[in-house]
Amino acid sequence: MQTDILHSDIVIVGGGPVGALAALRLKQAGRDVLLIEARARDVQVRDARALALSWYSREQLAAAGAWPDNLPATDIDSVHVSQQQAWGRTVITRDDLALPHLGAVVDYPVLAHSLGEALAAQGVPVLWQHKVRAVQSLARYASLTVEDADGRSRRLTARLVVLAEGGALAESLPGIQRHVHDYHQTALLAEISTSLPHGNIAYERFADAGPFALLPHGERMMLVWTRTPDDAQRLIDADEASVLAELQQAFGERLGSFSAIGERAAFPLLLRQLNRVVSGRVVMIGNAAQTMHPVAAQGFNLGLRDAVALSELLADAADPGDAALLRRYAAARRVDSHAVVGFTHGLIQLFDGAGPLLKQLRGAGMNLLDSVPPLRKRFASHLVFGV
């Protein structure tokens, strides 16, 4: 049953980190903003992911009041990139960019809780435990049909709707199509104990069985290993010693011996990207616009840059849903988005093979990047700040 109509200047759908950051930044700019989130306010987020955030992302979250000094996170001071059983490696350090750190690793539930606290502290209106069932863009406003936890629906209107939820709402809009590429791969996640300290180094290793990252995570390391679905399930079902032995063989002994592995989880890997991120008075950011392979840990940082760019553009806008304004946003984000998606997709294609010639070519490329400081610094800048 439909009840009252609520209007807000800007409505953001999706209270994950990207949507929450956009809401905080717009609230700080003095905009009338409403956030809609499907989960209940006090329900703890259950997500096994540890997020590798760039220094730029961390600073933007801090500016929004969502990264307090006591937030439990682990700094990344350098990134070591190599391949299994072949020469060639690249090391990027914080000194390359004269930064305090290259980034940090934080658990998804920790960041979600911190953002929730910031939303409450700064008085951002949030419709918790509400689901958007439909969105429609009209000439002067956009309309949403929202359902609460008891099944009651209401109509909301806004001059601009921002989709940050990563669901299917965007595909119901005119002119929007989603390109999907199935890698037929699965990300295996687990926390790993090592005999040597990590020294705040993140490792990206292109192994014969699939690329993996080892991220500093407290005193331990967080493993993100790309495997075939069958391999991932085998590693989930295998005993601890077998998994650690396989990882040790693929990585070597830079961290000494792998001594323990925590609970294992797996996620399918897909590339999803919209043909356009604006439809009328609706704009898509973060996972609503694109999701990508976790290699190089760029997807989440790209989404946060979407939120920052949009909030900065809308800060003083007379009409946040103005077509020319939204075209400017789409054009401004196109280069960064396409570059990052192309880079991550290209890495998977380049490193999906273990032939000796291919390994030699990859090794030469990594050594070139490592030995030419201006090239390495420019590459590092793109990873941290975007393109």
Protein backbone atom coordinates (compact mmCIF):
# COMPACT_ATOMS: atom_id res chain seq x y z
CA MET A 1 0.00 0.00 0.00
CA GLN A 2 1.41 3.40 -0.97
CA THR A 3 1.44 6.13 1.64
CA ASP A 4 3.06 9.56 1.93
CA ILE A 5 5.48 11.16 -0.54
CA LEU A 6 8.88 12.32 0.70
CA HIS A 7 11.12 14.71 -1.25
CA SER A 8 14.85 15.28 -0.98
CA ASP A 9 17.25 17.23 -3.16
CA ILE A 10 19.56 14.20 -3.58
CA VAL A 11 18.71 10.58 -2.76
CA ILE A 12 21.52 8.02 -2.57
CA VAL A 13 20.57 4.35 -2.85
CA GLY A 14 23.05 2.04 -1.12
CA GLY A 15 24.68 2.66 2.25
CA GLY A 16 27.90 0.78 1.59
CA PRO A 17 31.20 2.66 1.80
CA VAL A 18 30.82 4.38 -1.58
CA GLY A 19 27.25 5.56 -1.00
CA ALA A 20 27.98 6.51 2.61
CA LEU A 21 31.04 8.55 1.62
CA ALA A 22 29.03 10.41 -1.03
CA ALA A 23 26.29 11.15 1.54
CA LEU A 24 28.80 12.46 4.08
CA ARG A 25 30.58 14.67 1.57
CA LEU A 26 27.31 16.11 0.24
CA LYS A 27 26.02 16.74 3.76
CA GLN A 28 29.26 18.57 4.58
CA ALA A 29 28.70 20.70 1.48
CA GLY A 30 25.30 21.72 2.82
CA ARG A 31 23.21 19.66 0.41
CA ASP A 32 19.82 18.18 1.25
CA VAL A 33 20.64 14.48 1.00
CA LEU A 34 18.87 11.26 1.98
CA LEU A 35 20.54 7.84 2.12
CA ILE A 36 18.60 4.59 1.66
CA GLU A 37 20.07 1.30 2.89
CA ALA A 38 18.53 -2.19 2.81
CA ARG A 39 20.18 -3.48 6.00
CA ALA A 40 19.10 -2.55 9.50
CA ARG A 41 21.12 0.11 11.33
CA ASP A 42 22.33 -2.10 14.18
CA VAL A 43 22.91 -5.33 12.25
CA GLN A 44 26.58 -6.21 12.11
CA VAL A 45 27.93 -6.50 8.58
CA ARG A 46 29.20 -10.01 7.88
CA ASP A 47 31.80 -9.82 5.13
CA ALA A 48 35.11 -11.66 4.95
CA ARG A 49 36.82 -9.10 2.73
CA ALA A 50 39.78 -7.02 3.82
CA LEU A 51 39.96 -3.83 1.75
CA ALA A 52 43.24 -2.47 0.43
CA LEU A 53 42.69 1.29 0.37
CA SER A 54 45.03 3.74 -1.30
CA TRP A 55 46.37 6.70 0.65
CA TYR A 56 44.05 8.96 -1.35
CA SER A 57 41.01 6.86 -0.34
CA ARG A 58 42.08 6.87 3.29
CA GLU A 59 42.47 10.66 3.26
CA GLN A 60 39.04 11.16 1.68
CA LEU A 61 37.43 8.95 4.32
CA ALA A 62 39.28 10.87 7.04
CA ALA A 63 38.09 14.20 5.61
CA ALA A 64 34.53 12.87 5.76
CA GLY A 65 34.97 11.97 9.45
CA ALA A 66 34.91 8.21 8.82
CA TRP A 67 38.56 7.36 9.53
CA PRO A 68 39.30 8.09 13.20
CA ASP A 69 42.87 7.78 14.48
CA ASN A 70 41.98 4.62 16.39
CA LEU A 71 40.41 2.79 13.44
CA PRO A 72 41.93 -0.72 13.38
CA ALA A 73 43.82 -0.78 10.09
CA THR A 74 47.25 -1.87 8.90
CA ASP A 75 49.45 0.49 6.88
CA ILE A 76 50.93 -0.47 3.51
CA ASP A 77 54.35 1.10 2.99
CA SER A 78 55.49 -0.81 -0.07
CA VAL A 79 54.15 -3.17 -2.73
CA HIS A 80 56.28 -6.06 -4.03
CA VAL A 81 55.24 -7.51 -7.40
CA SER A 82 56.80 -10.73 -8.74
CA GLN A 83 56.07 -13.96 -10.61
CA GLN A 84 56.60 -17.60 -9.70
CA GLN A 85 59.72 -19.41 -10.94
CA ALA A 86 60.85 -16.56 -13.19
CA TRP A 87 62.97 -13.42 -13.02
CA GLY A 88 61.57 -9.90 -12.87
CA ARG A 89 60.05 -7.92 -10.07
CA THR A 90 58.87 -4.40 -9.20
CA VAL A 91 58.88 -2.73 -5.79
CA ILE A 92 56.85 0.43 -5.21
CA THR A 93 57.43 2.29 -1.94
CA ARG A 94 55.89 5.25 -0.16
CA ASP A 95 59.09 7.19 -0.92
CA ASP A 96 58.25 7.03 -4.62
CA LEU A 97 55.38 9.44 -3.96
CA ALA A 98 56.70 11.11 -0.78
CA LEU A 99 53.68 9.86 1.18
CA PRO A 100 53.42 8.71 4.80
CA HIS A 101 52.00 5.40 3.49
CA LEU A 102 50.85 3.98 0.17
CA GLY A 103 47.60 2.87 1.74
CA ALA A 104 46.05 0.70 4.42
CA VAL A 105 44.19 -2.59 4.85
CA VAL A 106 40.93 -2.51 6.80
CA ASP A 107 38.22 -5.13 7.31
CA TYR A 108 35.00 -4.32 5.47
CA PRO A 109 32.81 -4.59 8.62
CA VAL A 110 35.13 -2.21 10.49
CA LEU A 111 34.89 0.43 7.77
CA ALA A 112 31.13 -0.04 7.42
CA HIS A 113 30.69 0.50 11.18
CA SER A 114 32.89 3.60 11.13
CA LEU A 115 30.90 5.08 8.26
CA GLY A 116 27.65 4.33 10.09
CA GLU A 117 28.94 6.16 13.15
CA ALA A 118 29.95 9.13 10.99
CA LEU A 119 26.52 9.26 9.35
CA ALA A 120 24.85 9.37 12.77
CA ALA A 121 27.29 11.91 14.21
CA GLN A 122 26.86 14.29 11.27
CA GLY A 123 23.08 13.98 11.14
CA VAL A 124 22.79 12.45 7.67
CA PRO A 125 19.18 11.25 7.23
CA VAL A 126 19.14 7.50 6.54
CA LEU A 127 16.22 5.20 5.76
CA TRP A 128 17.61 2.00 7.23
CA GLN A 129 16.04 -1.34 6.33
CA HIS A 130 14.36 0.08 3.21
CA LYS A 131 14.54 -1.39 -0.29
CA VAL A 132 14.13 0.55 -3.52
CA ARG A 133 11.80 -1.43 -5.75
CA ALA A 134 11.73 0.95 -8.72
CA VAL A 135 13.31 4.17 -9.94
CA GLN A 136 12.09 6.42 -12.73
CA SER A 137 13.61 9.60 -14.17
CA LEU A 138 11.25 12.37 -15.25
CA ALA A 139 11.91 15.81 -16.72
CA ARG A 140 12.16 17.79 -13.48
CA TYR A 141 12.68 15.08 -10.86
CA ALA A 142 13.25 11.39 -10.29
CA SER A 143 10.81 9.10 -8.54
CA LEU A 144 11.50 6.06 -6.35
CA THR A 145 9.24 3.39 -4.89
CA VAL A 146 10.61 2.35 -1.50
CA GLU A 147 9.49 -0.52 0.72
CA ASP A 148 10.16 -0.78 4.46
CA ALA A 149 10.77 -3.90 6.54
CA ASP A 150 7.02 -4.42 7.05
CA GLY A 151 6.27 -4.35 3.35
CA ARG A 152 4.76 -0.87 3.36
CA SER A 153 5.71 1.25 0.36
CA ARG A 154 6.03 4.95 -0.21
CA ARG A 155 6.98 7.19 -3.08
CA LEU A 156 10.06 9.38 -2.87
CA THR A 157 11.07 12.15 -5.23
CA ALA A 158 14.42 13.86 -5.75
CA ARG A 159 16.12 16.17 -8.19
CA LEU A 160 18.92 13.60 -8.43
CA VAL A 161 19.10 9.90 -7.57
CA VAL A 162 22.54 8.34 -7.03
CA LEU A 163 22.66 4.55 -7.34
CA ALA A 164 25.52 3.06 -5.32
CA GLU A 165 23.99 -0.30 -4.46
CA GLY A 166 25.45 -2.48 -7.21
CA GLY A 167 22.17 -4.19 -7.97
CA ALA A 168 19.86 -4.39 -10.96
CA LEU A 169 18.15 -1.00 -10.60
CA ALA A 170 20.41 0.62 -13.19
CA GLU A 171 19.43 -1.90 -15.85
CA SER A 172 15.79 -0.80 -15.63
CA LEU A 173 16.72 2.72 -16.80
CA PRO A 174 16.47 3.86 -20.43
CA GLY A 175 19.67 3.54 -22.43
CA ILE A 176 21.52 1.52 -19.77
CA GLN A 177 23.15 -1.80 -20.60
CA ARG A 178 25.57 -3.79 -18.47
CA HIS A 179 28.52 -5.59 -20.02
CA VAL A 180 29.36 -8.76 -18.09
CA HIS A 181 32.51 -10.84 -18.51
CA ASP A 182 32.75 -14.06 -16.51
CA TYR A 183 36.39 -14.87 -15.73
CA HIS A 184 35.36 -18.38 -14.64
CA GLN A 185 37.53 -17.73 -11.60
CA THR A 186 37.00 -17.54 -7.86
CA ALA A 187 38.74 -15.45 -5.22
CA LEU A 188 39.84 -17.50 -2.21
CA LEU A 189 40.17 -15.43 0.98
CA ALA A 190 41.90 -16.48 4.20
CA GLU A 191 44.07 -15.02 6.93
CA ILE A 192 47.61 -16.42 7.03
CA SER A 193 50.17 -16.55 9.84
CA THR A 194 53.86 -16.26 8.90
CA SER A 195 57.08 -16.89 10.82
CA LEU A 196 58.55 -13.52 9.75
CA PRO A 197 56.91 -10.09 10.22
CA HIS A 198 55.39 -8.56 7.10
CA GLY A 199 57.06 -5.18 7.57
CA ASN A 200 53.98 -3.43 6.11
CA ILE A 201 54.73 -4.87 2.67
CA ALA A 202 51.90 -5.97 0.39
CA TYR A 203 52.78 -8.71 -2.10
CA GLU A 204 51.28 -9.28 -5.53
CA ARG A 205 52.44 -12.64 -6.86
CA PHE A 206 51.63 -13.97 -10.32
CA ALA A 207 51.73 -17.70 -9.65
CA ASP A 208 51.29 -20.49 -12.16
CA ALA A 209 47.98 -21.58 -10.61
CA GLY A 210 46.63 -18.01 -10.45
CA PRO A 211 47.63 -14.55 -9.18
CA PHE A 212 47.35 -13.79 -5.49
CA ALA A 213 47.85 -10.94 -3.07
CA LEU A 214 49.16 -11.12 0.47
CA LEU A 215 48.11 -8.00 2.36
CA PRO A 216 49.42 -6.95 5.80
CA HIS A 217 46.54 -7.53 8.18
CA GLY A 218 47.41 -6.84 11.81
CA GLU A 219 50.21 -9.26 12.69
CA ARG A 220 49.10 -11.65 9.96
CA MET A 221 48.53 -11.52 6.19
CA MET A 222 45.26 -11.60 4.26
CA LEU A 223 45.39 -13.92 1.25
CA VAL A 224 43.34 -13.18 -1.88
CA TRP A 225 44.06 -15.99 -4.36
CA THR A 226 42.51 -16.24 -7.82
CA ARG A 227 41.81 -19.87 -8.68
CA THR A 228 39.44 -21.84 -10.86
CA PRO A 229 36.13 -22.58 -9.08
CA ASP A 230 37.08 -26.25 -8.67
CA ASP A 231 40.52 -25.35 -7.30
CA ALA A 232 39.03 -22.85 -4.86
CA GLN A 233 36.59 -25.44 -3.54
CA ARG A 234 39.40 -27.97 -3.25
CA LEU A 235 41.44 -25.53 -1.16
CA ILE A 236 38.46 -24.79 1.05
CA ASP A 237 37.91 -28.50 1.68
CA ALA A 238 41.61 -29.39 2.05
CA ASP A 239 43.40 -29.71 5.38
CA GLU A 240 45.41 -26.76 6.64
CA ALA A 241 48.83 -28.30 6.02
CA SER A 242 48.07 -29.02 2.35
CA VAL A 243 46.89 -25.47 1.64
CA LEU A 244 49.88 -23.90 3.39
CA ALA A 245 52.30 -26.16 1.50
CA GLU A 246 50.75 -25.19 -1.83
CA LEU A 247 50.90 -21.50 -0.94
CA GLN A 248 54.50 -21.82 0.25
CA GLN A 249 55.54 -23.41 -3.02
CA ALA A 250 53.87 -20.62 -5.02
CA PHE A 251 55.26 -17.77 -2.91
CA GLY A 252 58.66 -18.79 -1.62
CA GLU A 253 60.20 -17.80 1.72
CA ARG A 254 60.18 -14.00 1.79
CA LEU A 255 57.88 -14.23 4.83
CA GLY A 256 59.54 -17.32 6.24
CA SER A 257 57.19 -20.25 6.65
CA PHE A 258 53.39 -20.14 6.55
CA SER A 259 52.31 -21.57 9.89
CA ALA A 260 48.52 -21.26 10.08
CA ILE A 261 45.48 -20.41 7.98
CA GLY A 262 42.17 -19.03 9.20
CA GLU A 263 38.63 -19.58 7.97
CA ARG A 264 38.43 -19.74 4.19
CA ALA A 265 35.84 -18.01 2.00
CA ALA A 266 35.33 -17.78 -1.76
CA PHE A 267 33.74 -15.28 -4.16
CA PRO A 268 33.09 -15.63 -7.91
CA LEU A 269 34.90 -13.09 -10.10
CA LEU A 270 33.11 -11.13 -12.79
CA LEU A 271 33.70 -7.91 -14.68
CA ARG A 272 30.55 -5.77 -14.85
CA GLN A 273 30.55 -2.35 -16.49
CA LEU A 274 27.75 -0.07 -17.66
CA ASN A 275 27.77 1.41 -21.15
CA ARG A 276 27.01 4.78 -19.51
CA VAL A 277 26.70 6.02 -15.93
CA VAL A 278 23.96 8.64 -16.39
CA SER A 279 20.32 8.19 -17.37
CA GLY A 280 18.20 11.28 -17.01
CA ARG A 281 18.31 12.38 -13.37
CA VAL A 282 19.93 9.16 -12.20
CA VAL A 283 23.70 8.62 -11.89
CA MET A 284 25.54 5.39 -11.05
CA ILE A 285 28.70 5.24 -8.94
CA GLY A 286 30.84 2.49 -7.38
CA ASN A 287 29.59 -1.05 -7.88
CA ALA A 288 26.46 0.24 -9.59
CA ALA A 289 28.73 1.55 -12.38
CA GLN A 290 31.45 -1.11 -12.42
CA THR A 291 32.78 -4.13 -10.56
CA MET A 292 36.06 -5.76 -11.49
CA HIS A 293 38.65 -8.39 -10.75
CA PRO A 294 40.46 -7.82 -7.42
CA VAL A 295 43.95 -8.02 -8.98
CA ALA A 296 45.82 -4.78 -8.12
CA ALA A 297 43.05 -3.91 -5.61
CA GLN A 298 41.67 -1.05 -7.70
CA GLY A 299 37.89 -1.56 -7.83
CA PHE A 300 36.98 -0.28 -4.38
CA ASN A 301 39.31 2.71 -4.66
CA LEU A 302 37.78 3.58 -8.04
CA GLY A 303 34.33 3.58 -6.45
CA LEU A 304 35.43 5.94 -3.69
CA ARG A 305 36.88 8.29 -6.31
CA ASP A 306 33.48 8.22 -8.03
CA ALA A 307 31.88 9.38 -4.78
CA VAL A 308 34.42 12.16 -4.23
CA ALA A 309 34.22 13.46 -7.81
CA LEU A 310 30.42 13.52 -7.81
CA SER A 311 30.13 15.23 -4.42
CA GLU A 312 32.65 17.90 -5.43
CA LEU A 313 30.78 18.59 -8.67
CA LEU A 314 27.41 18.83 -6.90
CA ALA A 315 28.60 20.94 -3.96
CA ASP A 316 27.39 24.28 -5.39
CA ALA A 317 25.10 23.10 -8.17
CA ALA A 318 21.82 24.98 -8.51
CA ASP A 319 20.19 21.82 -9.87
CA PRO A 320 22.05 18.58 -9.00
CA GLY A 321 20.17 16.72 -11.72
CA ASP A 322 21.01 19.16 -14.51
CA ALA A 323 21.80 17.23 -17.70
CA ALA A 324 24.87 19.29 -18.61
CA LEU A 325 26.28 18.87 -15.11
CA LEU A 326 25.85 15.11 -15.19
CA ARG A 327 27.44 14.94 -18.62
CA ARG A 328 30.45 16.70 -17.13
CA TYR A 329 30.61 14.09 -14.36
CA ALA A 330 30.39 11.20 -16.83
CA ALA A 331 33.11 12.69 -19.01
CA ALA A 332 35.36 13.40 -16.05
CA ARG A 333 35.11 9.85 -14.72
CA ARG A 334 35.33 8.05 -18.06
CA VAL A 335 39.13 8.19 -18.34
CA ASP A 336 39.80 6.91 -14.81
CA SER A 337 37.14 4.21 -14.99
CA HIS A 338 38.10 2.89 -18.42
CA ALA A 339 41.81 3.02 -17.59
CA VAL A 340 41.40 1.06 -14.35
CA VAL A 341 39.01 -1.50 -15.83
CA GLY A 342 41.27 -1.94 -18.85
CA PHE A 343 44.37 -2.22 -16.66
CA THR A 344 42.94 -4.90 -14.36
CA HIS A 345 41.38 -6.84 -17.22
CA GLY A 346 44.64 -6.64 -19.15
CA LEU A 347 46.63 -7.94 -16.19
CA ILE A 348 44.46 -11.03 -16.05
CA GLN A 349 44.97 -11.64 -19.77
CA LEU A 350 48.72 -10.98 -19.58
CA PHE A 351 49.40 -13.18 -16.58
CA ASP A 352 47.00 -15.99 -17.48
CA GLY A 353 49.73 -18.27 -18.75
CA ALA A 354 52.92 -19.96 -17.58
CA GLY A 355 54.88 -20.41 -20.82
CA PRO A 356 58.62 -19.64 -20.64
CA LEU A 357 58.52 -16.94 -23.34
CA LEU A 358 55.58 -15.18 -21.72
CA LYS A 359 57.34 -15.27 -18.37
CA GLN A 360 60.44 -13.72 -19.92
CA LEU A 361 58.40 -10.89 -21.43
CA ARG A 362 56.59 -10.26 -18.15
CA GLY A 363 59.85 -10.28 -16.24
CA ALA A 364 61.37 -7.75 -18.63
CA GLY A 365 58.37 -5.47 -18.20
CA MET A 366 58.53 -5.62 -14.40
CA ASN A 367 62.27 -4.99 -14.36
CA LEU A 368 61.87 -2.02 -16.71
CA LEU A 369 59.23 -0.51 -14.44
CA ASP A 370 61.43 -1.10 -11.40
CA SER A 371 64.62 0.34 -12.92
CA VAL A 372 63.19 3.58 -14.38
CA PRO A 373 62.16 5.79 -11.42
CA PRO A 374 60.02 8.31 -13.38
CA LEU A 375 58.06 5.47 -14.97
CA ARG A 376 57.65 3.68 -11.64
CA LYS A 377 56.54 6.87 -9.87
CA ARG A 378 53.99 7.68 -12.56
CA PHE A 379 52.62 4.14 -12.35
CA ALA A 380 52.45 4.38 -8.54
CA SER A 381 50.66 7.73 -8.78
CA HIS A 382 47.97 6.20 -10.98
CA LEU A 383 47.47 3.35 -8.48
CA VAL A 384 47.13 5.73 -5.52
CA PHE A 385 45.34 8.75 -7.01
CA GLY A 386 43.67 7.40 -10.13
CA VAL A 387 44.10 8.44 -13.75
